[in-house]
Amino acid sequence: MSIRTKISNWFKPKLKGDLDNREFEWCIIGNIVHEHYWGEEKIIKRGTKQFRPGAKVYCMPEFGGMAHEDIRVIGKPRKQNRLINIVIRTRHIKSFRVQKVFHPKIQFDIGSHLYYWSNRRSKNEEKNLHEMVEYLNTLTEEIIKKSI
């Protein structure tokens, strides 16, 4: 075995038990807001720098000590066909909901994430996620234009 193989095996995460045997994972999913205010001049921006408006993102709530002001998300960025894993403002995400995820890469990230690790083994994991979704939906700040 070459030294390169040994090093790459050392950095691979060690998975326990039936982490990869599950058909799906429950995950909090949201969409990027269409328009929001930006800066002191209150300029209206569409989407975010990384995501187009309405893009689907998979949320990993991990900054609970800061009232979930920021949230880690996985999604497809503008003009690219790969997944990125970044932290953005929670107010730039709307329509939080709980869904089943079948994508292997996202399942792996969910399975190794601390928030989901504590929820995924409980009998009422979906209920715990729905409680979190109710709170996250109160944090959205989207510009809604009313037609008169």
Protein backbone atom coordinates (compact mmCIF):
# COMPACT_ATOMS: atom_id res chain seq x y z
CA MET A 1 0.00 0.00 0.00
CA SER A 2 1.44 3.33 -1.04
CA ILE A 3 1.82 6.24 1.36
CA ARG A 4 -0.71 8.22 -0.66
CA THR A 5 -3.36 5.52 -0.14
CA LYS A 6 -2.59 5.34 3.59
CA ILE A 7 -3.00 9.08 3.97
CA SER A 8 -6.25 9.19 2.00
CA ASN A 9 -7.67 6.31 4.09
CA TRP A 10 -6.66 8.12 7.27
CA PHE A 11 -8.68 11.22 6.29
CA LYS A 12 -11.82 9.30 5.28
CA PRO A 13 -14.49 9.51 7.99
CA LYS A 14 -15.19 6.34 9.88
CA LEU A 15 -18.86 5.37 9.58
CA LYS A 16 -20.60 3.39 12.29
CA GLY A 17 -23.27 0.74 12.02
CA ASP A 18 -26.16 1.19 9.63
CA LEU A 19 -25.39 4.76 8.54
CA ASP A 20 -25.29 3.80 4.86
CA ASN A 21 -28.03 1.16 5.07
CA ARG A 22 -30.89 3.64 5.27
CA GLU A 23 -32.92 4.12 2.12
CA PHE A 24 -33.49 7.83 2.81
CA GLU A 25 -32.78 10.55 5.38
CA TRP A 26 -35.13 13.19 6.75
CA CYS A 27 -33.82 16.69 6.13
CA ILE A 28 -34.90 20.31 6.52
CA ILE A 29 -35.20 21.85 3.06
CA GLY A 30 -35.83 25.45 2.03
CA ASN A 31 -35.80 27.77 -0.96
CA ILE A 32 -33.80 30.95 -1.47
CA VAL A 33 -35.92 34.12 -1.26
CA HIS A 34 -36.69 35.93 -4.52
CA GLU A 35 -35.97 39.46 -3.31
CA HIS A 36 -34.49 40.95 -0.12
CA TYR A 37 -33.04 44.25 1.07
CA TRP A 38 -29.26 44.68 1.06
CA GLY A 39 -27.04 47.35 2.62
CA GLU A 40 -27.79 50.66 4.33
CA GLU A 41 -29.41 52.07 1.21
CA LYS A 42 -31.92 49.17 1.23
CA ILE A 43 -31.09 48.06 -2.31
CA ILE A 44 -33.31 45.22 -3.53
CA LYS A 45 -31.29 42.11 -4.47
CA ARG A 46 -32.52 38.92 -6.17
CA GLY A 47 -31.42 35.66 -4.57
CA THR A 48 -28.00 35.58 -2.92
CA LYS A 49 -24.48 35.82 -4.23
CA GLN A 50 -24.18 32.03 -4.34
CA PHE A 51 -27.74 30.90 -5.17
CA ARG A 52 -30.37 32.01 -7.69
CA PRO A 53 -33.87 32.92 -6.44
CA GLY A 54 -35.97 29.88 -5.60
CA ALA A 55 -32.99 27.48 -5.47
CA LYS A 56 -33.54 24.41 -3.30
CA VAL A 57 -31.12 24.10 -0.37
CA TYR A 58 -30.63 21.37 2.23
CA CYS A 59 -30.25 22.93 5.69
CA MET A 60 -28.02 21.84 8.56
CA PRO A 61 -28.96 23.97 11.60
CA GLU A 62 -25.85 24.06 13.76
CA PHE A 63 -25.47 27.63 15.08
CA GLY A 64 -28.17 27.43 17.76
CA GLY A 65 -26.30 29.68 20.21
CA MET A 66 -26.76 32.60 17.83
CA ALA A 67 -30.55 32.09 17.52
CA HIS A 68 -30.01 30.36 14.17
CA GLU A 69 -29.16 33.68 12.52
CA ASP A 70 -26.85 31.78 10.16
CA ILE A 71 -27.39 28.30 8.79
CA ARG A 72 -25.22 25.83 6.89
CA VAL A 73 -26.73 24.75 3.58
CA ILE A 74 -25.93 22.40 0.70
CA GLY A 75 -27.18 23.30 -2.77
CA LYS A 76 -26.38 23.91 -6.43
CA PRO A 77 -24.89 27.38 -6.98
CA ARG A 78 -25.44 29.80 -9.84
CA LYS A 79 -23.97 28.68 -13.19
CA GLN A 80 -22.50 25.43 -11.82
CA ASN A 81 -23.62 21.83 -11.69
CA ARG A 82 -21.96 20.76 -8.46
CA LEU A 83 -23.04 20.95 -4.83
CA ILE A 84 -21.54 23.51 -2.47
CA ASN A 85 -21.59 23.53 1.31
CA ILE A 86 -21.69 27.07 2.77
CA VAL A 87 -23.07 29.15 5.64
CA ILE A 88 -25.63 31.85 4.76
CA ARG A 89 -28.13 34.06 6.60
CA THR A 90 -31.29 32.23 7.60
CA ARG A 91 -33.38 35.24 6.58
CA HIS A 92 -32.46 34.53 2.93
CA ILE A 93 -34.26 31.17 3.01
CA LYS A 94 -38.03 30.69 2.87
CA SER A 95 -40.51 27.80 2.86
CA PHE A 96 -38.68 25.54 5.30
CA ARG A 97 -40.10 22.02 5.28
CA VAL A 98 -39.11 18.44 6.08
CA GLN A 99 -38.56 16.03 3.19
CA LYS A 100 -36.97 12.69 2.45
CA VAL A 101 -33.55 12.90 0.79
CA PHE A 102 -32.31 10.13 -1.50
CA HIS A 103 -29.16 11.82 -2.97
CA PRO A 104 -26.13 9.79 -1.71
CA LYS A 105 -23.78 12.74 -1.16
CA ILE A 106 -26.37 14.70 0.78
CA GLN A 107 -27.31 11.58 2.75
CA PHE A 108 -23.67 11.18 3.73
CA ASP A 109 -23.42 14.82 4.85
CA ILE A 110 -26.65 14.50 6.83
CA GLY A 111 -25.53 11.24 8.43
CA SER A 112 -22.27 12.75 9.62
CA HIS A 113 -23.82 16.02 10.85
CA LEU A 114 -24.17 16.50 14.62
CA TYR A 115 -27.72 17.94 14.57
CA TYR A 116 -29.10 15.09 12.49
CA TRP A 117 -27.03 12.49 14.30
CA SER A 118 -28.91 13.16 17.54
CA ASN A 119 -32.31 13.30 15.77
CA ARG A 120 -31.95 10.44 13.32
CA ARG A 121 -31.78 7.70 15.93
CA SER A 122 -34.86 8.76 17.88
CA LYS A 123 -38.30 7.30 17.24
CA ASN A 124 -39.79 10.75 16.71
CA GLU A 125 -37.10 12.24 14.46
CA GLU A 126 -39.61 13.67 11.99
CA LYS A 127 -41.50 15.39 14.84
CA ASN A 128 -38.25 16.99 16.10
CA LEU A 129 -37.50 18.31 12.62
CA HIS A 130 -41.03 19.73 12.22
CA GLU A 131 -40.60 21.67 15.48
CA MET A 132 -37.37 23.15 14.15
CA VAL A 133 -39.07 24.06 10.84
CA GLU A 134 -41.80 25.98 12.68
CA TYR A 135 -39.15 28.15 14.32
CA LEU A 136 -37.05 28.65 11.17
CA ASN A 137 -40.07 29.82 9.17
CA THR A 138 -40.41 32.81 11.53
CA LEU A 139 -36.92 34.08 10.58
CA THR A 140 -37.51 34.69 6.84
CA GLU A 141 -37.33 38.31 5.62
CA GLU A 142 -38.61 38.39 2.04
CA ILE A 143 -40.00 41.38 0.17
CA ILE A 144 -43.57 40.55 -0.73
CA LYS A 145 -45.09 42.91 -3.29
CA LYS A 146 -48.81 43.34 -2.83
CA SER A 147 -50.85 43.96 -5.96
CA ILE A 148 -53.52 46.60 -5.59
